[in-house]
Amino acid sequence: MYYPYFRGKQFELILLRELASFLSENQIHPIIEPVRDDFSALTRTMETLNNVNATYSVILNPQVGNSPVPASNIKNLLMDGDYRRFENLSIGYIINPTADIEDLMDILNELTDYSFSIIHQGYTNGKILAQEIAAFTNIKSHIFIEGFAGKLYQKHLKKDGIDRVLIRNGFKPREKNAFYPKNEHFSDLHITFPEEGMDGFGDYLIVGDDYSETGGPAYAVAIHLTYLDSDDDMYIYHFISDQTDSPTDPGGKFLEALGKLVKAVRNPKSQIFNSEAVTEYMNLYEKQHYPGLGYVKKLSMKHHIELIADYIRRTS
């Protein structure tokens, strides 16, 4: 039902390994777009997910980064390795405005042992696409990126036995961390996806669709934490450090932002879900420990996944 979209950075792959059993138990299907040509961390993650029967997709033709990982390298990995026995692995294939459908059909014919998730990210001729791929039985899901696949396009690809998933980018990035508001709306797609005619929904967690190889200097530290209001609509807090005018003292800035998070959690009227990640944030505050910005982002992503899993359990 829930398809979180990851970009395959080191801390994201670590999170997937740590949460593998949780993902399997809650039927959460992560999508992984590789961003590193060294596949050691990716293959460890695939093996960990496979060992607990978690379903997931690995994108064959990544599109992000200064030099996207070549599709041929990922194909060689899949063909040379023992991944055909990974029954819960689905190959993701992105089709954008420049996509050649012949390439897609060649891959579908070549990797018949694998199931496929087609990720629709701006290709426009849904009617022709549906006709060309109609005979393939290894397509298991169509994943539509909101804003890049209209209703008519989606309608052409409606077919019994193939899941349809809508990915919405709920995170609104700002040029600087200091520019984030205290809180804002994130998404209601977890509630409304059936009205969209979808079998599942997804997002880019608290990271957003924007991708960069490295982050800039932390003039301000921001901790992003999603929460549900009384109607289960999803919002996001942005806890910002008080220091915002120099790149020094990231640890001190983190503790400033963390103090605001702790105050919000301890508020008697708090709507923040008491996730394992929030408990870990509270422990960091008690220890006054700064674990690094990658770890902080990983914790907020973990909280987001735990929050959605709790919502699905409560409402299913």
Protein backbone atom coordinates (compact mmCIF):
# COMPACT_ATOMS: atom_id res chain seq x y z
CA MET A 1 0.00 0.00 0.00
CA TYR A 2 2.79 2.47 0.95
CA TYR A 3 5.69 3.00 -1.48
CA PRO A 4 8.37 5.29 -0.02
CA TYR A 5 10.86 6.51 -2.64
CA PHE A 6 14.55 6.41 -1.67
CA ARG A 7 17.56 7.74 -3.53
CA GLY A 8 19.99 5.09 -2.31
CA LYS A 9 22.36 7.25 -0.28
CA GLN A 10 24.35 5.42 2.37
CA PHE A 11 22.22 6.46 5.35
CA GLU A 12 19.03 5.59 3.44
CA LEU A 13 20.27 2.09 2.66
CA ILE A 14 21.29 1.66 6.31
CA LEU A 15 17.75 2.68 7.32
CA LEU A 16 16.23 0.13 4.96
CA ARG A 17 18.38 -2.63 6.46
CA GLU A 18 17.49 -1.56 10.00
CA LEU A 19 13.78 -1.46 9.19
CA ALA A 20 13.67 -4.53 6.94
CA SER A 21 11.49 -6.65 9.25
CA PHE A 22 9.25 -3.66 10.02
CA LEU A 23 8.75 -3.00 6.29
CA SER A 24 7.85 -6.65 5.68
CA GLU A 25 5.42 -6.84 8.60
CA ASN A 26 3.65 -3.65 7.49
CA GLN A 27 3.60 -4.39 3.74
CA ILE A 28 5.66 -1.32 2.92
CA HIS A 29 7.29 -1.47 -0.53
CA PRO A 30 10.35 0.80 -0.80
CA ILE A 31 11.50 2.07 -4.20
CA ILE A 32 15.29 2.47 -4.46
CA GLU A 33 16.92 4.62 -7.14
CA PRO A 34 20.67 3.84 -6.99
CA VAL A 35 22.97 6.87 -6.92
CA ARG A 36 26.32 5.12 -6.39
CA ASP A 37 28.17 2.87 -8.84
CA ASP A 38 29.57 0.89 -5.92
CA PHE A 39 26.78 -1.61 -5.33
CA SER A 40 28.10 -3.21 -2.13
CA ALA A 41 25.70 -1.33 0.19
CA LEU A 42 22.83 -1.81 -2.27
CA THR A 43 23.34 -5.57 -2.54
CA ARG A 44 23.55 -5.91 1.26
CA THR A 45 20.26 -4.06 1.46
CA MET A 46 18.65 -6.25 -1.19
CA GLU A 47 19.79 -9.38 0.61
CA THR A 48 18.51 -8.12 3.95
CA LEU A 49 15.10 -7.25 2.49
CA ASN A 50 14.94 -10.60 0.73
CA ASN A 51 15.73 -12.51 3.93
CA VAL A 52 12.64 -11.11 5.64
CA ASN A 53 10.36 -11.38 2.58
CA ALA A 54 9.99 -7.62 2.17
CA THR A 55 8.87 -6.46 -1.28
CA TYR A 56 10.84 -3.67 -2.95
CA SER A 57 11.82 -2.17 -6.30
CA VAL A 58 15.28 -1.27 -7.58
CA ILE A 59 15.33 1.21 -10.46
CA LEU A 60 17.27 -0.06 -13.46
CA ASN A 61 17.77 3.31 -15.17
CA PRO A 62 18.43 6.01 -12.55
CA GLN A 63 17.97 9.62 -13.63
CA VAL A 64 19.44 11.71 -10.80
CA GLY A 65 22.93 12.91 -10.00
CA ASN A 66 25.68 14.61 -11.96
CA SER A 67 26.45 11.30 -13.66
CA PRO A 68 23.51 8.90 -13.19
CA VAL A 69 24.45 5.27 -12.64
CA PRO A 70 24.38 3.58 -16.08
CA ALA A 71 21.48 1.18 -16.61
CA SER A 72 23.92 -1.35 -18.10
CA ASN A 73 25.79 -1.57 -14.79
CA ILE A 74 22.63 -2.34 -12.83
CA LYS A 75 21.48 -4.81 -15.48
CA ASN A 76 24.83 -6.61 -15.26
CA LEU A 77 24.45 -6.77 -11.49
CA LEU A 78 21.02 -8.36 -11.82
CA MET A 79 22.09 -10.79 -14.53
CA ASP A 80 25.41 -11.82 -12.96
CA GLY A 81 24.18 -12.16 -9.40
CA ASP A 82 21.85 -14.67 -7.84
CA TYR A 83 19.03 -12.19 -7.69
CA ARG A 84 16.60 -14.13 -9.86
CA ARG A 85 15.73 -16.13 -6.75
CA PHE A 86 14.71 -12.91 -4.95
CA GLU A 87 10.97 -13.31 -5.47
CA ASN A 88 10.09 -10.02 -3.78
CA LEU A 89 12.43 -7.93 -5.94
CA SER A 90 10.81 -5.87 -8.67
CA ILE A 91 12.77 -3.96 -11.30
CA GLY A 92 11.76 -0.33 -11.56
CA TYR A 93 12.01 1.32 -14.97
CA ILE A 94 11.55 5.09 -15.38
CA ILE A 95 9.89 6.39 -18.52
CA ASN A 96 10.26 10.14 -18.96
CA PRO A 97 9.70 12.49 -21.94
CA THR A 98 12.87 11.23 -23.68
CA ALA A 99 12.22 7.52 -23.09
CA ASP A 100 12.42 5.06 -25.98
CA ILE A 101 9.68 2.47 -25.52
CA GLU A 102 11.66 0.01 -27.62
CA ASP A 103 14.32 0.05 -24.87
CA LEU A 104 11.68 -0.77 -22.28
CA MET A 105 10.33 -3.67 -24.33
CA ASP A 106 13.84 -5.01 -24.91
CA ILE A 107 14.42 -5.04 -21.14
CA LEU A 108 11.05 -6.68 -20.47
CA ASN A 109 11.94 -9.41 -22.97
CA GLU A 110 15.49 -9.84 -21.69
CA LEU A 111 14.75 -9.99 -17.96
CA THR A 112 11.69 -12.22 -18.04
CA ASP A 113 12.58 -13.78 -14.68
CA TYR A 114 11.88 -10.47 -12.94
CA SER A 115 8.69 -8.60 -12.25
CA PHE A 116 8.63 -4.92 -13.25
CA SER A 117 7.35 -1.66 -11.82
CA ILE A 118 7.01 1.01 -14.51
CA ILE A 119 7.62 4.49 -13.10
CA HIS A 120 5.84 7.16 -15.12
CA GLN A 121 7.72 10.45 -14.92
CA GLY A 122 6.69 12.57 -17.90
CA TYR A 123 6.17 10.24 -20.84
CA THR A 124 3.05 11.51 -22.58
CA ASN A 125 1.55 8.92 -24.95
CA GLY A 126 -0.18 6.60 -22.54
CA LYS A 127 -2.42 5.05 -25.18
CA ILE A 128 0.48 3.91 -27.39
CA LEU A 129 2.46 2.75 -24.37
CA ALA A 130 -0.46 0.65 -23.13
CA GLN A 131 -0.79 -0.99 -26.53
CA GLU A 132 2.93 -1.76 -26.79
CA ILE A 133 3.24 -3.39 -23.37
CA ALA A 134 -0.16 -5.10 -23.26
CA ALA A 135 1.24 -8.59 -23.93
CA PHE A 136 3.84 -8.52 -21.13
CA THR A 137 2.83 -10.46 -18.03
CA ASN A 138 5.83 -9.47 -15.90
CA ILE A 139 4.58 -5.91 -15.31
CA LYS A 140 3.18 -5.87 -11.77
CA SER A 141 2.68 -2.16 -11.04
CA HIS A 142 2.42 1.27 -12.61
CA ILE A 143 3.87 3.99 -10.40
CA PHE A 144 2.79 7.49 -11.36
CA ILE A 145 4.74 10.55 -10.21
CA GLU A 146 2.17 13.25 -9.49
CA GLY A 147 2.50 16.19 -11.86
CA PHE A 148 4.10 14.01 -14.53
CA ALA A 149 1.20 11.68 -15.39
CA GLY A 150 -2.29 13.08 -16.00
CA LYS A 151 -5.63 11.37 -15.39
CA LEU A 152 -6.17 10.38 -19.02
CA TYR A 153 -2.64 8.99 -19.23
CA GLN A 154 -3.28 6.97 -16.07
CA LYS A 155 -6.61 5.71 -17.43
CA HIS A 156 -4.94 4.14 -20.47
CA LEU A 157 -2.79 2.04 -18.14
CA LYS A 158 -5.57 0.67 -15.97
CA LYS A 159 -5.54 -3.12 -16.19
CA ASP A 160 -6.75 -5.90 -13.91
CA GLY A 161 -3.95 -7.53 -11.97
CA ILE A 162 -1.59 -4.55 -12.18
CA ASP A 163 -1.37 -2.25 -9.16
CA ARG A 164 -1.49 1.51 -9.66
CA VAL A 165 0.42 3.74 -7.26
CA LEU A 166 0.58 7.53 -7.00
CA ILE A 167 3.73 9.22 -5.63
CA ARG A 168 3.32 12.73 -4.26
CA ASN A 169 6.16 15.01 -3.23
CA GLY A 170 4.81 16.43 0.02
CA PHE A 171 8.07 18.06 1.09
CA LYS A 172 8.53 21.71 0.07
CA PRO A 173 12.26 22.55 0.08
CA ARG A 174 13.52 26.03 0.89
CA GLU A 175 16.69 27.68 -0.34
CA LYS A 176 17.97 27.87 3.23
CA ASN A 177 16.98 25.93 6.35
CA ALA A 178 16.31 29.21 8.13
CA PHE A 179 13.47 29.92 5.68
CA TYR A 180 11.26 26.99 6.75
CA PRO A 181 8.06 27.87 8.62
CA LYS A 182 7.39 26.27 12.00
CA ASN A 183 4.96 23.84 10.39
CA GLU A 184 2.99 23.38 7.16
CA HIS A 185 0.77 20.93 5.31
CA PHE A 186 2.51 17.84 3.94
CA SER A 187 -0.04 15.55 2.22
CA ASP A 188 -3.44 13.89 2.49
CA LEU A 189 -2.65 11.22 -0.11
CA HIS A 190 -2.49 8.47 2.51
CA ILE A 191 -6.23 9.13 3.00
CA THR A 192 -7.36 10.05 -0.52
CA PHE A 193 -5.44 7.62 -2.76
CA PRO A 194 -8.52 5.37 -3.26
CA GLU A 195 -10.42 8.42 -4.56
CA GLU A 196 -7.54 8.90 -7.01
CA GLY A 197 -8.26 5.41 -8.36
CA MET A 198 -5.03 4.03 -6.90
CA ASP A 199 -4.13 0.83 -5.08
CA GLY A 200 -1.29 2.47 -3.20
CA PHE A 201 0.48 5.74 -2.48
CA GLY A 202 3.99 6.97 -1.88
CA ASP A 203 6.19 9.97 -1.25
CA TYR A 204 9.80 11.09 -1.02
CA LEU A 205 9.58 11.04 2.78
CA ILE A 206 10.97 14.16 4.49
CA VAL A 207 13.67 14.61 1.85
CA GLY A 208 11.66 15.61 -1.22
CA ASP A 209 12.25 14.96 -4.91
CA ASP A 210 15.17 17.38 -5.21
CA TYR A 211 18.50 15.55 -5.29
CA SER A 212 22.01 16.81 -4.75
CA GLU A 213 25.27 14.89 -4.43
CA THR A 214 26.32 16.78 -1.31
CA GLY A 215 24.75 19.21 1.10
CA GLY A 216 25.92 22.77 1.63
CA PRO A 217 27.26 24.24 4.88
CA ALA A 218 24.72 24.13 7.71
CA TYR A 219 24.13 27.78 8.51
CA ALA A 220 21.01 26.53 10.27
CA VAL A 221 20.08 23.00 11.30
CA ALA A 222 16.54 21.83 10.62
CA ILE A 223 14.83 18.72 11.99
CA HIS A 224 11.78 17.80 9.89
CA LEU A 225 9.08 15.74 11.62
CA THR A 226 5.71 14.75 10.17
CA TYR A 227 2.55 14.44 12.26
CA LEU A 228 -1.18 13.84 11.82
CA ASP A 229 -3.89 16.22 12.99
CA SER A 230 -7.26 15.19 14.42
CA ASP A 231 -8.53 14.37 10.92
CA ASP A 232 -5.41 12.32 10.13
CA ASP A 233 -4.32 14.96 7.61
CA MET A 234 -0.52 15.09 7.50
CA TYR A 235 1.56 18.13 8.42
CA ILE A 236 5.26 18.63 9.02
CA TYR A 237 7.15 20.47 11.74
CA HIS A 238 10.40 22.22 10.91
CA PHE A 239 12.43 22.64 14.08
CA ILE A 240 15.11 25.23 13.26
CA SER A 241 18.21 26.14 15.24
CA ASP A 242 18.50 29.64 16.69
CA GLN A 243 21.94 30.08 15.11
CA THR A 244 21.52 30.77 11.40
CA ASP A 245 24.32 33.15 10.37
CA SER A 246 27.47 31.02 10.14
CA PRO A 247 28.47 27.47 9.12
CA THR A 248 30.17 26.77 12.46
CA ASP A 249 28.97 24.69 15.42
CA PRO A 250 26.61 22.19 13.71
CA GLY A 251 26.42 20.18 16.95
CA GLY A 252 25.28 23.19 18.94
CA LYS A 253 22.73 24.08 16.27
CA PHE A 254 21.38 20.53 16.29
CA LEU A 255 20.85 20.65 20.04
CA GLU A 256 19.01 23.97 19.66
CA ALA A 257 16.66 22.45 17.08
CA LEU A 258 16.35 19.26 19.13
CA GLY A 259 15.33 21.26 22.18
CA LYS A 260 12.39 22.67 20.21
CA LEU A 261 11.40 19.16 19.11
CA VAL A 262 11.50 17.90 22.71
CA LYS A 263 9.37 20.85 23.88
CA ALA A 264 6.78 20.04 21.17
CA VAL A 265 6.74 16.34 22.13
CA ARG A 266 6.29 17.15 25.82
CA ASN A 267 3.46 19.60 25.17
CA PRO A 268 0.28 18.07 26.68
CA LYS A 269 -1.55 18.84 23.43
CA SER A 270 1.17 17.34 21.24
CA GLN A 271 0.02 15.52 18.10
CA ILE A 272 3.43 13.96 17.48
CA PHE A 273 3.30 10.16 17.21
CA ASN A 274 5.43 8.46 19.84
CA SER A 275 7.56 6.51 17.38
CA GLU A 276 10.80 4.68 18.10
CA ALA A 277 12.54 7.47 16.20
CA VAL A 278 11.05 10.12 18.49
CA THR A 279 12.19 8.10 21.51
CA GLU A 280 15.69 8.11 20.02
CA TYR A 281 15.51 11.89 19.54
CA MET A 282 14.54 12.22 23.21
CA ASN A 283 17.50 10.04 24.23
CA LEU A 284 19.85 12.21 22.16
CA TYR A 285 18.52 15.24 24.01
CA GLU A 286 19.07 13.63 27.40
CA LYS A 287 22.65 12.79 26.40
CA GLN A 288 23.15 16.15 24.64
CA HIS A 289 24.71 14.15 21.81
CA TYR A 290 25.07 15.20 18.17
CA PRO A 291 25.20 12.10 15.90
CA GLY A 292 25.77 13.91 12.57
CA LEU A 293 23.32 15.38 10.07
CA GLY A 294 22.96 12.17 8.04
CA TYR A 295 21.88 10.31 11.16
CA VAL A 296 19.42 13.08 12.01
CA LYS A 297 17.83 12.85 8.58
CA LYS A 298 17.68 9.06 8.88
CA LEU A 299 15.79 9.37 12.19
CA SER A 300 13.20 11.71 10.67
CA MET A 301 12.72 9.34 7.74
CA LYS A 302 12.28 6.45 10.18
CA HIS A 303 9.67 8.43 12.10
CA HIS A 304 7.77 9.19 8.89
CA ILE A 305 7.62 5.50 7.97
CA GLU A 306 6.54 4.53 11.49
CA LEU A 307 3.84 7.23 11.45
CA ILE A 308 2.34 6.01 8.17
CA ALA A 309 2.50 2.37 9.27
CA ASP A 310 0.61 3.27 12.45
CA TYR A 311 -2.02 5.14 10.41
CA ILE A 312 -2.50 2.13 8.10
CA ARG A 313 -2.85 -0.24 11.08
CA ARG A 314 -5.41 2.02 12.74
CA THR A 315 -7.56 2.51 9.64
CA SER A 316 -7.35 -0.85 7.87
